[in-house]
N, C-alpha and C. Protein backbone atom coordinates (compact mmCIF):
# COMPACT_ATOMS: atom_id res chain seq x y z
N UNK A 1 86.99 101.20 119.82
CA UNK A 1 87.54 101.26 118.78
C UNK A 1 87.45 99.96 118.28
N UNK A 2 87.60 99.78 116.62
CA UNK A 2 87.77 98.74 115.88
C UNK A 2 88.94 97.67 115.91
N UNK A 3 88.20 96.12 115.39
CA UNK A 3 90.21 95.69 114.98
C UNK A 3 89.83 96.60 114.04
N UNK A 4 89.58 96.10 112.80
CA UNK A 4 89.70 96.97 111.35
C UNK A 4 90.18 98.70 112.33
N UNK A 5 89.91 99.46 113.05
CA UNK A 5 91.17 101.06 112.53
C UNK A 5 91.97 100.09 113.29
N UNK A 6 91.70 99.56 114.46
CA UNK A 6 93.19 99.20 115.03
C UNK A 6 94.42 98.74 113.55
N UNK A 7 93.43 98.33 112.61
CA UNK A 7 94.46 97.75 112.10
C UNK A 7 94.88 98.47 110.76
N UNK A 8 93.70 99.14 110.72
CA UNK A 8 94.58 100.75 109.38
C UNK A 8 95.50 101.32 109.81
N UNK A 9 95.50 101.25 111.42
CA UNK A 9 96.02 102.19 111.64
C UNK A 9 98.43 101.81 111.73
N UNK A 10 97.68 100.31 112.60
CA UNK A 10 99.20 99.75 112.06
C UNK A 10 99.56 99.83 111.09
N UNK A 11 98.78 99.34 109.79
CA UNK A 11 99.62 99.20 107.63
C UNK A 11 100.00 100.41 107.70
N UNK A 12 98.79 101.45 108.02
CA UNK A 12 99.66 103.15 108.10
C UNK A 12 101.52 103.12 108.53
N UNK A 13 101.24 102.32 109.61
CA UNK A 13 102.13 103.35 110.12
C UNK A 13 103.38 102.34 109.82
N UNK A 14 103.15 100.59 109.05
CA UNK A 14 104.02 100.14 108.47
C UNK A 14 104.35 99.83 107.01
N UNK A 15 102.43 100.69 106.41
CA UNK A 15 103.28 100.45 104.58
C UNK A 15 102.81 101.62 104.04
N UNK A 16 102.25 102.73 104.42
CA UNK A 16 101.63 103.59 103.84
C UNK A 16 101.93 104.79 104.75
N UNK A 17 102.11 105.50 103.43
CA UNK A 17 102.18 107.23 103.50
C UNK A 17 100.54 107.87 104.14
N UNK A 18 99.68 107.27 104.00
CA UNK A 18 98.28 107.87 104.23
C UNK A 18 97.03 107.30 104.83
N UNK A 19 95.94 107.53 104.69
CA UNK A 19 95.20 106.37 105.30
C UNK A 19 94.88 104.94 104.36
N UNK A 20 94.25 104.16 105.59
CA UNK A 20 93.97 103.04 104.33
C UNK A 20 92.93 102.45 105.54
N UNK A 21 91.90 101.93 104.21
CA UNK A 21 90.78 101.93 105.00
C UNK A 21 90.56 100.64 104.25
N UNK A 22 90.41 99.28 105.62
CA UNK A 22 90.31 98.20 105.62
C UNK A 22 88.99 97.82 105.67
N UNK A 23 87.97 96.36 104.80
CA UNK A 23 87.33 95.85 105.07
C UNK A 23 87.40 94.45 105.15
N UNK A 24 86.44 93.57 105.45
CA UNK A 24 86.63 92.39 105.06
C UNK A 24 87.32 92.07 104.71
N UNK A 25 86.56 91.93 102.56
CA UNK A 25 87.44 91.73 101.62
C UNK A 25 88.03 92.03 100.96
N UNK A 26 89.34 93.45 101.86
CA UNK A 26 90.40 94.12 101.44
C UNK A 26 91.39 92.93 101.57
N UNK A 27 92.33 92.44 100.28
CA UNK A 27 93.17 91.88 99.80
C UNK A 27 94.74 92.23 99.66
N UNK A 28 95.34 91.69 99.45
CA UNK A 28 96.69 92.27 99.26
C UNK A 28 97.21 93.04 98.27
N UNK A 29 96.41 93.11 97.11
CA UNK A 29 97.03 93.85 95.41
C UNK A 29 95.76 94.69 96.10
N UNK A 30 94.72 94.92 97.12
CA UNK A 30 94.45 96.27 97.34
C UNK A 30 94.83 97.61 98.00
N UNK A 31 96.18 97.55 98.95
CA UNK A 31 96.85 98.64 99.02
C UNK A 31 97.96 98.22 99.42
N UNK A 32 98.64 99.19 97.92
CA UNK A 32 99.76 99.97 97.71
C UNK A 32 100.92 99.12 98.88
N UNK A 33 101.88 99.04 98.42
CA UNK A 33 102.82 98.70 99.12
C UNK A 33 102.68 97.11 100.08
N UNK A 34 101.57 96.51 99.59
CA UNK A 34 101.58 95.64 100.68
C UNK A 34 102.04 93.81 99.84
N UNK A 35 103.84 94.36 100.11
CA UNK A 35 103.63 93.00 99.13
C UNK A 35 104.70 91.73 100.30
N UNK A 36 105.33 90.67 99.62
CA UNK A 36 105.70 89.70 100.89
C UNK A 36 106.66 89.46 101.84
N UNK A 37 107.51 90.92 101.62
CA UNK A 37 108.59 91.64 102.78
C UNK A 37 107.71 92.37 103.93
N UNK A 38 106.07 93.13 103.54
CA UNK A 38 105.78 94.11 104.16
C UNK A 38 104.11 93.55 104.83
N UNK A 39 104.93 92.04 103.86
CA UNK A 39 103.16 91.46 105.10
C UNK A 39 104.63 90.54 106.29
N UNK A 40 105.01 90.26 106.07
CA UNK A 40 106.15 89.28 107.53
C UNK A 40 106.34 91.18 108.29
N UNK A 41 106.79 92.21 108.17
CA UNK A 41 105.92 92.82 109.10
C UNK A 41 104.81 93.31 109.78
N UNK A 42 103.94 93.98 108.79
CA UNK A 42 102.54 93.59 109.12
C UNK A 42 102.39 93.05 110.48
N UNK A 43 102.59 91.41 110.54
CA UNK A 43 102.42 90.66 110.97
C UNK A 43 103.17 90.21 112.30
N UNK A 44 104.40 90.91 112.08
CA UNK A 44 104.95 90.73 113.22
C UNK A 44 104.57 91.96 115.08
N UNK A 45 104.03 93.78 113.83
CA UNK A 45 103.37 94.79 114.08
C UNK A 45 102.16 94.06 115.09
N UNK A 46 101.00 93.25 114.16
CA UNK A 46 99.37 92.79 114.82
C UNK A 46 100.24 92.13 116.10
N UNK A 47 100.75 91.05 116.15
CA UNK A 47 101.44 91.42 117.69
C UNK A 47 101.40 91.35 118.20
N UNK A 48 102.52 91.94 117.97
CA UNK A 48 103.35 93.07 118.59
C UNK A 48 101.34 94.06 120.45
N UNK A 49 101.30 94.67 118.66
CA UNK A 49 99.98 95.71 119.30
C UNK A 49 98.20 94.47 120.05
N UNK A 50 98.78 93.64 119.31
CA UNK A 50 97.48 92.94 120.69
C UNK A 50 97.79 91.38 121.32
N UNK A 51 99.07 91.82 121.55
CA UNK A 51 99.66 90.62 122.55
C UNK A 51 99.14 89.61 121.84
N UNK A 52 99.46 88.66 120.81
CA UNK A 52 99.77 87.48 120.18
C UNK A 52 100.94 86.89 119.51
N UNK A 53 100.11 85.34 118.66
CA UNK A 53 101.60 84.90 117.94
C UNK A 53 100.55 84.59 117.46
N UNK A 54 101.08 84.60 115.95
CA UNK A 54 100.93 83.47 114.78
C UNK A 54 101.42 82.85 114.28
N UNK A 55 101.32 81.27 114.11
CA UNK A 55 101.91 79.88 113.68
C UNK A 55 101.80 80.77 111.90
N UNK A 56 103.31 79.85 111.76
CA UNK A 56 103.14 80.62 110.43
C UNK A 56 102.61 80.25 109.50
N UNK A 57 102.02 78.95 109.70
CA UNK A 57 100.50 78.50 109.07
C UNK A 57 99.68 79.65 108.28
N UNK A 58 99.22 80.13 110.21
CA UNK A 58 98.58 81.01 110.42
C UNK A 58 98.96 82.14 109.90
N UNK A 59 99.73 82.60 109.72
CA UNK A 59 100.79 84.25 108.52
C UNK A 59 100.56 83.39 107.23
N UNK A 60 100.42 82.60 106.69
CA UNK A 60 100.99 82.24 105.05
C UNK A 60 98.86 81.78 104.83
N UNK A 61 98.31 81.91 105.72
CA UNK A 61 96.53 81.18 105.87
C UNK A 61 95.78 83.22 105.30
N UNK A 62 96.59 83.90 105.33
CA UNK A 62 95.67 85.14 105.40
C UNK A 62 95.21 85.02 104.39
N UNK A 63 94.01 85.38 103.33
CA UNK A 63 93.99 85.68 102.40
C UNK A 63 93.20 87.67 101.56
N UNK A 64 92.57 86.82 102.78
CA UNK A 64 91.75 88.77 103.28
C UNK A 64 91.50 89.55 104.44
N UNK A 65 91.39 90.20 105.21
CA UNK A 65 91.98 91.32 106.65
C UNK A 65 90.89 90.50 106.80
N UNK A 66 90.16 90.10 106.67
CA UNK A 66 88.50 89.26 106.86
C UNK A 66 89.43 88.44 108.02
N UNK A 67 89.67 86.93 107.55
CA UNK A 67 90.52 85.70 107.84
C UNK A 67 91.58 86.10 109.03
N UNK A 68 92.43 87.26 108.95
CA UNK A 68 93.24 88.05 109.46
C UNK A 68 92.20 88.81 111.18
N UNK A 69 91.27 89.55 111.12
CA UNK A 69 89.85 89.27 111.83
C UNK A 69 90.09 88.34 113.09
N UNK A 70 88.98 87.65 111.99
CA UNK A 70 88.20 86.11 112.33
C UNK A 70 89.69 85.13 113.50
N UNK A 71 90.52 85.43 112.88
CA UNK A 71 92.37 84.31 113.14
C UNK A 71 91.86 85.75 114.65
N UNK A 72 91.83 86.79 114.89
CA UNK A 72 92.77 87.99 116.11
C UNK A 72 90.82 87.45 116.73
N UNK A 73 90.09 87.21 116.61
CA UNK A 73 89.07 87.15 116.84
C UNK A 73 89.10 85.87 118.43
N UNK A 74 89.34 84.48 117.44
CA UNK A 74 89.76 83.32 117.92
C UNK A 74 90.70 83.36 119.04
N UNK A 75 91.86 84.51 119.01
CA UNK A 75 93.05 84.18 119.75
C UNK A 75 91.78 85.28 121.02
N UNK A 76 91.24 86.19 121.05
CA UNK A 76 90.48 86.37 121.60
C UNK A 76 90.73 87.72 121.55
N UNK A 77 90.91 88.05 120.77
CA UNK A 77 90.77 89.92 120.65
C UNK A 77 89.72 90.61 120.74
N UNK A 78 89.31 91.87 121.70
CA UNK A 78 88.23 91.60 120.53
C UNK A 78 88.58 93.76 121.27
N UNK A 79 88.37 94.77 120.88
CA UNK A 79 88.58 95.79 120.69
C UNK A 79 87.44 96.08 120.68
N UNK A 80 86.65 97.35 122.36
CA UNK A 80 86.28 98.62 122.57
C UNK A 80 86.60 99.63 121.92
N UNK A 81 85.19 100.36 122.40
CA UNK A 81 85.02 101.72 121.45
C UNK A 81 85.15 102.58 122.49
C-alpha cells in the first residue's frame, strides 16, 4: 500500500464521511472539512500511524500533500504493497 493510500484512510477517518483521493498536488482547499483544526487532528493521527513526530514548523509548512509525503519519506517512512 502506498503512503498516499495510507493517508487517504487517515483523512477519511479524521475529516470525511466519504472517500478521499489525494495526489501530490492536493491542498487543504481541495478537501472539504480540511481547516486549521482538522489539520492539527490530521497531523496527530499521521504521527501516530507512521510513528513519527513533526516539529511545529514542519506542520505549518505543508502546502500540499506532496510536501507531507516528502517529509514522511525523509523521516524514513515507506509503505510497501
